[in-house]
Amino acid sequence: MVKFLIIQTAFIGDVILATPVIEKLHKFYPDSQIDFLLRKGNENLLKNHPHVSNLLIWDKNKEKRKNLFRIIKLIRSKDYDYVINLQRFASTGIITAFSKGKIKVGFNKNPLSFLFTRRIKHEIGNGKHEVERNIETITEITDQSLSKPKLYPSEEDYQMVSEYKMRPYICMAPTSVWFTKQFPQNKWVELINRLDSKYHVYLVGGPDDKESCEKIISDSDKNNITNLCGKLSLLQTSALMSNASMNFVNDSAPMHMASSMNAPTTAIFCSTIPKFGFGPLSDNAKIIETEENLNCRPCGLHGFKECPKGHFKCANTIEIEKLIF
């Protein structure tokens, strides 16, 4: 039996974009053991995954260095045949280098990649999707075909959101960790006011997003809006998105959640651009961005807490008409 370890200890979207590697390894090695290392807080994303044998959890927020050595010790005891590192940061490079894996694969941008068995070129900005880049780490032992992200909500997750599916509905994820990735609140209000009233609108996000979404509701003219921020788990939110008439999202984790369910998606790109390779992958996906030629866009790979130029034209110049479906 071949034993694989996949490493992706970054954020929610990064874990989702790593799931095609799981799918493809299972397809080519159905009897293998596929383990996954992720950061504490993201483990619920993969808790029901039928192809993941074991989840290894690294607590980065408490005694990070001590827990790093604990994780390395645990991994070394597993005797993995392949350790596949999908990150480009030194900490996961250390884990990979000292993993005792027979074959260690990772991206050449990782500072410890000189200690890997195989180094894969990683380029951002040439239009290649992150899923393609991740898949390239295993093409030598599989093939070059692509797999899409996939999450597996449980029957309980679907049951939890079944009450919200009794009428036609739309999901919106208005917030983002980064301000410049976030479509402005007044724009969300305008969109809601322009949508056909036959659709109920569910605002989704974490507990920290609740206040922002309450403001959107209070400023809207509609009364068919429900704030679900903090009420649903990631997998429950994904289950709700799966049957939405449309999911409106920023360039953020909910976009990848919608992709993982192959759900209809309208993705709004403000300061970032699809060419970075993190766009939606659903069959029914639409990308919305400004039509103005702004010499300041993109201003960064991940966005900023505020617009560096102060005008935020990359978001403010997007016409709501473009989002109506």
Protein backbone atom coordinates (compact mmCIF):
# COMPACT_ATOMS: atom_id res chain seq x y z
CA MET A 1 0.00 0.00 0.00
CA VAL A 2 1.34 3.40 -1.02
CA LYS A 3 1.25 6.02 1.74
CA PHE A 4 0.81 9.68 0.80
CA LEU A 5 0.94 12.82 2.91
CA ILE A 6 -0.40 16.08 1.47
CA ILE A 7 0.64 19.29 3.24
CA GLN A 8 -1.47 22.45 3.06
CA THR A 9 -1.54 24.40 6.32
CA ALA A 10 -2.64 27.77 4.90
CA PHE A 11 -6.20 29.03 4.78
CA ILE A 12 -9.63 27.65 3.88
CA GLY A 13 -9.45 28.36 0.16
CA ASP A 14 -5.98 26.85 -0.09
CA VAL A 15 -7.18 23.59 1.46
CA ILE A 16 -10.12 23.43 -0.95
CA LEU A 17 -7.81 23.99 -3.92
CA ALA A 18 -5.69 21.09 -2.65
CA THR A 19 -8.59 18.62 -2.81
CA PRO A 20 -8.07 17.83 -6.53
CA VAL A 21 -4.77 16.24 -5.51
CA ILE A 22 -6.68 13.95 -3.15
CA GLU A 23 -9.20 13.05 -5.86
CA LYS A 24 -6.54 12.27 -8.41
CA LEU A 25 -4.33 10.23 -6.09
CA HIS A 26 -7.35 8.15 -5.12
CA LYS A 27 -8.23 7.59 -8.77
CA PHE A 28 -4.76 6.26 -9.61
CA TYR A 29 -4.07 4.57 -6.26
CA PRO A 30 -7.49 3.51 -4.92
CA ASP A 31 -6.00 1.27 -2.22
CA SER A 32 -3.51 3.85 -0.97
CA GLN A 33 -3.43 5.69 2.34
CA ILE A 34 -3.87 9.43 1.83
CA ASP A 35 -3.23 11.59 4.88
CA PHE A 36 -3.57 15.37 5.01
CA LEU A 37 -1.78 17.91 7.21
CA LEU A 38 -3.66 21.17 7.78
CA ARG A 39 -3.83 23.95 10.33
CA LYS A 40 -6.07 23.74 13.39
CA GLY A 41 -9.44 25.29 12.55
CA ASN A 42 -9.63 23.90 9.02
CA GLU A 43 -10.02 20.23 9.91
CA ASN A 44 -13.81 20.28 9.56
CA LEU A 45 -13.41 20.90 5.82
CA LEU A 46 -12.13 17.36 5.30
CA LYS A 47 -13.73 15.50 8.20
CA ASN A 48 -16.13 13.60 5.92
CA HIS A 49 -13.79 13.15 2.99
CA PRO A 50 -14.09 9.52 1.87
CA HIS A 51 -10.57 9.39 0.40
CA VAL A 52 -8.67 10.88 3.36
CA SER A 53 -7.42 8.25 5.78
CA ASN A 54 -6.06 10.51 8.53
CA LEU A 55 -6.06 14.22 9.29
CA LEU A 56 -2.95 15.62 10.93
CA ILE A 57 -3.58 18.96 12.64
CA TRP A 58 -0.98 21.62 13.34
CA ASP A 59 -1.94 24.26 15.91
CA LYS A 60 -0.22 27.39 14.63
CA ASN A 61 -1.79 29.78 17.12
CA LYS A 62 -0.48 28.28 20.33
CA GLU A 63 3.12 27.18 20.94
CA LYS A 64 3.66 27.15 17.18
CA ARG A 65 7.31 26.06 17.28
CA LYS A 66 6.70 23.35 19.87
CA ASN A 67 3.79 21.99 17.86
CA LEU A 68 5.89 22.13 14.70
CA PHE A 69 8.43 19.73 16.21
CA ARG A 70 5.59 17.54 17.48
CA ILE A 71 4.15 17.32 13.97
CA ILE A 72 7.55 16.50 12.45
CA LYS A 73 8.04 13.71 14.98
CA LEU A 74 4.59 12.31 14.19
CA ILE A 75 5.17 12.45 10.43
CA ARG A 76 8.56 10.76 10.72
CA SER A 77 6.90 7.86 12.52
CA LYS A 78 4.47 7.28 9.62
CA ASP A 79 7.01 6.15 6.97
CA TYR A 80 5.33 7.93 4.08
CA ASP A 81 6.24 6.94 0.53
CA TYR A 82 5.36 10.40 -0.81
CA VAL A 83 5.24 13.74 0.99
CA ILE A 84 3.60 16.35 -1.24
CA ASN A 85 3.99 19.93 -0.05
CA LEU A 86 1.60 22.40 -1.69
CA GLN A 87 2.94 25.44 0.17
CA ARG A 88 5.81 27.78 -0.49
CA PHE A 89 6.74 28.75 3.06
CA ALA A 90 9.71 27.75 5.17
CA SER A 91 7.80 26.03 7.97
CA THR A 92 6.26 23.43 5.65
CA GLY A 93 9.61 23.15 3.91
CA ILE A 94 11.13 22.11 7.23
CA ILE A 95 8.35 19.57 7.76
CA THR A 96 8.89 18.13 4.29
CA ALA A 97 12.69 18.07 4.48
CA PHE A 98 12.70 16.19 7.81
CA SER A 99 9.63 14.00 7.10
CA LYS A 100 11.63 10.86 6.22
CA GLY A 101 9.37 10.55 3.18
CA LYS A 102 10.91 8.40 0.46
CA ILE A 103 9.89 10.96 -2.19
CA LYS A 104 9.50 14.62 -1.19
CA VAL A 105 7.79 16.90 -3.70
CA GLY A 106 7.15 20.64 -3.51
CA PHE A 107 7.38 23.97 -5.26
CA ASN A 108 10.70 25.54 -6.15
CA LYS A 109 9.72 28.76 -4.35
CA ASN A 110 9.84 27.00 -1.00
CA PRO A 111 13.11 28.09 0.69
CA LEU A 112 13.82 24.47 1.70
CA SER A 113 13.05 23.01 -1.73
CA PHE A 114 16.73 22.23 -2.33
CA LEU A 115 16.19 19.38 0.13
CA PHE A 116 13.22 17.94 -1.80
CA THR A 117 13.40 15.01 -4.19
CA ARG A 118 11.45 16.91 -6.84
CA ARG A 119 10.98 20.65 -7.26
CA ILE A 120 8.03 21.95 -9.28
CA LYS A 121 8.10 25.37 -10.89
CA HIS A 122 5.46 27.71 -9.44
CA GLU A 123 4.45 30.79 -11.43
CA ILE A 124 1.65 33.23 -10.66
CA GLY A 125 0.27 35.63 -13.24
CA ASN A 126 0.49 33.56 -16.41
CA GLY A 127 -3.16 32.48 -16.28
CA LYS A 128 -2.49 29.00 -14.93
CA HIS A 129 -4.94 28.05 -12.17
CA GLU A 130 -3.70 27.08 -8.72
CA VAL A 131 -5.38 23.70 -9.17
CA GLU A 132 -3.21 23.14 -12.24
CA ARG A 133 -0.13 24.13 -10.28
CA ASN A 134 -1.07 21.73 -7.47
CA ILE A 135 -1.76 18.88 -9.88
CA GLU A 136 1.71 19.34 -11.39
CA THR A 137 3.20 18.01 -8.14
CA ILE A 138 1.77 14.56 -8.94
CA THR A 139 1.76 14.35 -12.75
CA GLU A 140 4.86 12.17 -12.66
CA ILE A 141 2.91 9.44 -10.83
CA THR A 142 -0.54 10.09 -12.37
CA ASP A 143 -1.15 12.06 -15.58
CA GLN A 144 -1.73 15.65 -16.69
CA SER A 145 -5.54 15.64 -16.58
CA LEU A 146 -7.22 17.99 -14.13
CA SER A 147 -9.60 17.29 -11.28
CA LYS A 148 -11.90 19.87 -9.71
CA PRO A 149 -12.08 20.80 -6.03
CA LYS A 150 -14.55 18.71 -4.09
CA LEU A 151 -15.93 18.80 -0.55
CA TYR A 152 -18.19 16.21 1.03
CA PRO A 153 -20.90 17.61 3.33
CA SER A 154 -22.53 14.86 5.39
CA GLU A 155 -26.19 13.87 5.38
CA GLU A 156 -26.49 15.79 8.64
CA ASP A 157 -25.06 18.89 6.97
CA TYR A 158 -27.64 18.68 4.17
CA GLN A 159 -30.39 18.07 6.71
CA MET A 160 -29.27 21.10 8.72
CA VAL A 161 -29.82 23.44 5.75
CA SER A 162 -32.87 21.71 4.26
CA GLU A 163 -35.25 24.21 5.88
CA TYR A 164 -33.59 27.02 3.93
CA LYS A 165 -34.19 25.31 0.60
CA MET A 166 -37.98 25.43 0.59
CA ARG A 167 -38.04 28.38 -1.87
CA PRO A 168 -35.82 29.74 -4.64
CA TYR A 169 -32.80 31.37 -3.05
CA ILE A 170 -29.48 33.09 -3.57
CA CYS A 171 -26.39 32.94 -1.38
CA MET A 172 -24.15 35.96 -0.90
CA ALA A 173 -20.81 36.05 0.89
CA PRO A 174 -20.20 39.81 1.13
CA THR A 175 -17.08 39.90 3.30
CA SER A 176 -13.40 39.07 3.00
CA VAL A 177 -10.36 39.12 5.28
CA TRP A 178 -8.90 41.72 2.90
CA PHE A 179 -10.78 44.99 2.39
CA THR A 180 -9.63 45.44 -1.21
CA LYS A 181 -10.97 41.98 -2.14
CA GLN A 182 -14.36 42.92 -0.77
CA PHE A 183 -17.16 44.34 -2.88
CA PRO A 184 -18.39 47.46 -0.98
CA GLN A 185 -21.41 47.20 1.31
CA ASN A 186 -23.41 49.79 -0.65
CA LYS A 187 -22.85 47.74 -3.81
CA TRP A 188 -24.23 44.61 -2.13
CA VAL A 189 -27.26 46.61 -1.03
CA GLU A 190 -27.78 47.86 -4.59
CA LEU A 191 -27.50 44.32 -5.93
CA ILE A 192 -30.05 42.97 -3.45
CA ASN A 193 -32.47 45.77 -4.30
CA ARG A 194 -32.15 44.98 -8.02
CA LEU A 195 -32.70 41.22 -7.74
CA ASP A 196 -36.03 39.55 -8.48
CA SER A 197 -38.01 39.36 -5.23
CA LYS A 198 -38.87 35.72 -5.89
CA TYR A 199 -35.42 34.85 -4.54
CA HIS A 200 -34.76 34.73 -0.83
CA VAL A 201 -31.27 36.01 -0.03
CA TYR A 202 -29.02 34.23 2.48
CA LEU A 203 -25.96 36.12 3.67
CA VAL A 204 -23.25 33.65 4.67
CA GLY A 205 -19.97 33.97 6.52
CA GLY A 206 -18.37 33.50 9.92
CA PRO A 207 -19.32 35.06 13.28
CA ASP A 208 -17.07 38.06 12.59
CA ASP A 209 -19.08 38.84 9.46
CA LYS A 210 -22.43 39.09 11.20
CA GLU A 211 -22.30 42.82 11.93
CA SER A 212 -21.37 43.77 8.36
CA CYS A 213 -24.22 41.67 7.00
CA GLU A 214 -26.70 43.19 9.46
CA LYS A 215 -25.76 46.60 8.07
CA ILE A 216 -26.46 45.37 4.53
CA ILE A 217 -29.88 44.11 5.63
CA SER A 218 -30.77 47.35 7.41
CA ASP A 219 -29.78 49.45 4.38
CA SER A 220 -31.72 47.29 1.90
CA ASP A 221 -35.26 47.89 0.73
CA LYS A 222 -36.02 44.17 0.76
CA ASN A 223 -37.35 42.04 3.62
CA ASN A 224 -36.50 38.66 2.12
CA ILE A 225 -32.96 38.48 3.55
CA THR A 226 -31.62 36.18 6.26
CA ASN A 227 -28.28 36.62 7.98
CA LEU A 228 -26.74 33.17 8.48
CA CYS A 229 -23.26 34.40 9.45
CA GLY A 230 -21.90 32.26 12.27
CA LYS A 231 -24.87 29.89 12.17
CA LEU A 232 -23.53 27.32 9.71
CA SER A 233 -20.31 25.33 9.50
CA LEU A 234 -18.16 25.47 6.38
CA LEU A 235 -19.60 22.20 5.09
CA GLN A 236 -23.17 23.26 5.91
CA THR A 237 -22.61 26.49 4.01
CA SER A 238 -21.27 24.47 1.08
CA ALA A 239 -24.36 22.25 1.22
CA LEU A 240 -26.57 25.35 1.09
CA MET A 241 -24.60 26.79 -1.83
CA SER A 242 -25.01 23.58 -3.80
CA ASN A 243 -28.69 24.26 -4.62
CA ALA A 244 -28.66 28.06 -4.78
CA SER A 245 -29.91 29.70 -7.97
CA MET A 246 -26.73 31.77 -7.75
CA ASN A 247 -23.85 32.29 -5.33
CA PHE A 248 -22.39 35.81 -5.29
CA VAL A 249 -18.88 35.82 -3.85
CA ASN A 250 -15.68 37.82 -3.64
CA ASP A 251 -12.26 36.45 -4.55
CA SER A 252 -12.19 34.55 -1.25
CA ALA A 253 -12.90 31.20 0.40
CA PRO A 254 -16.67 31.07 -0.35
CA MET A 255 -15.83 31.19 -4.07
CA HIS A 256 -13.82 27.99 -3.69
CA MET A 257 -16.56 26.43 -1.56
CA ALA A 258 -19.00 27.05 -4.40
CA SER A 259 -16.51 25.52 -6.85
CA SER A 260 -16.20 22.45 -4.64
CA MET A 261 -19.95 21.87 -5.02
CA ASN A 262 -19.97 22.78 -8.73
CA ALA A 263 -22.58 25.39 -7.79
CA PRO A 264 -23.56 28.43 -9.90
CA THR A 265 -21.11 31.21 -9.12
CA THR A 266 -20.73 34.90 -9.82
CA ALA A 267 -17.28 35.89 -8.60
CA ILE A 268 -16.47 39.58 -8.11
CA PHE A 269 -12.81 40.53 -8.46
CA CYS A 270 -11.86 43.94 -7.10
CA SER A 271 -8.14 44.55 -6.44
CA THR A 272 -7.02 41.07 -7.54
CA ILE A 273 -7.28 39.55 -10.99
CA PRO A 274 -8.34 36.10 -12.27
CA LYS A 275 -5.01 35.78 -14.08
CA PHE A 276 -3.39 35.04 -10.71
CA GLY A 277 -5.05 31.63 -10.99
CA PHE A 278 -7.59 31.54 -8.18
CA GLY A 279 -10.84 31.99 -10.11
CA PRO A 280 -14.07 29.98 -9.87
CA LEU A 281 -14.17 26.48 -11.36
CA SER A 282 -17.89 25.67 -11.43
CA ASP A 283 -19.38 24.74 -14.79
CA ASN A 284 -21.71 27.74 -14.41
CA ALA A 285 -19.29 30.45 -13.33
CA LYS A 286 -19.11 34.12 -14.23
CA ILE A 287 -16.33 36.57 -13.37
CA ILE A 288 -17.17 40.23 -12.81
CA GLU A 289 -14.50 42.94 -12.72
CA THR A 290 -14.14 46.60 -13.58
CA GLU A 291 -14.03 47.52 -17.24
CA GLU A 292 -11.80 50.51 -16.50
CA ASN A 293 -8.11 50.21 -17.35
CA LEU A 294 -6.60 51.01 -13.96
CA ASN A 295 -2.81 51.19 -13.82
CA CYS A 296 -2.96 50.41 -10.09
CA ARG A 297 -4.73 47.06 -10.55
CA PRO A 298 -3.75 44.53 -9.38
CA CYS A 299 -2.21 46.19 -6.34
CA GLY A 300 -1.18 42.89 -4.77
CA LEU A 301 -1.67 39.16 -4.71
CA HIS A 302 -3.78 39.06 -1.54
CA GLY A 303 -5.20 42.56 -1.23
CA PHE A 304 -4.87 45.20 1.48
CA LYS A 305 -6.72 46.51 4.51
CA GLU A 306 -7.45 49.67 2.54
CA CYS A 307 -7.06 50.94 -1.01
CA PRO A 308 -3.46 52.14 -1.44
CA LYS A 309 -4.71 54.94 -3.73
CA GLY A 310 -7.68 55.87 -1.57
CA HIS A 311 -10.27 55.70 -4.35
CA PHE A 312 -11.01 51.93 -4.58
CA LYS A 313 -12.02 52.34 -8.22
CA CYS A 314 -11.45 48.64 -8.92
CA ALA A 315 -14.61 47.97 -6.90
CA ASN A 316 -16.56 51.20 -7.13
CA THR A 317 -16.59 51.23 -10.94
CA ILE A 318 -18.19 47.79 -11.27
CA GLU A 319 -21.71 48.17 -12.63
CA ILE A 320 -24.41 46.25 -10.77
CA GLU A 321 -26.15 45.56 -14.08
CA LYS A 322 -23.29 43.14 -14.90
CA LEU A 323 -24.24 40.95 -11.91
CA ILE A 324 -27.93 40.52 -12.65
CA PHE A 325 -28.69 37.05 -13.96
